Amino acid sequence: MTRRRRSRGSTVLEFALVGVPMILVFVSIVEIGLLMWTYTTLAYAAKELNRYIAVHGKHCSSGTNNCALTVGTVATAAEGYAMGLSSSTLNLTLTSPSKTYNCNPVSSCTSNSNAWPPAADSTVGTLIQVRMQYQVNTVLPMMWPGSQAANYGGYNLGAYSAQRVLF
């Protein structure tokens, strides 16, 4: 009987020593997985958006076919390629040799009717660059000992793509 009394509360103590760190590890694995998915989606969106621009150069239009792009159509395509990412924290920078557009956030450029790439830069072989940035808020800093409960960490993930106009 005395042995049983000495072991009272040991289960709670063992859970506190093992369970709490295991919960922290589980939440960390989930958060890192979400960050990896977000970065992969952002990199895919930048690459596909730049490819979309590259195949819509000066010589893309023939006869009655008009495939000219505007900054607005490019921004709308960026929102489509970045599926699952909030357009309110998604930033887009379009760069050609003669012009740069900053869409911070990307939804601010969806009504822009300026041609992209500009007429001077839509010839075959011109380098077009796309930069995308997305702010991610994670709960991991909140779980760190000594941090404030309402202090969430914000990080900017970036993706870059450069491609020459193909036709």
Foldseek 3Di string as FASTA:
>chain_A
DVVVVVCPPVVVVVCVVPVVVVVLVVQVVVQVVVVVVQLVLQQQLQAVLQVLLQAQFDPNDDDPDHSWDFLLVSLVSSCVSSPPADLQFKWKWKDWPPDIDTCNRSVVRNPGGHTPPHNVQRDFFTKIKMKMKGKDWDCSVCPDPPDDNPDIDIDIRMYMDMDTRHD
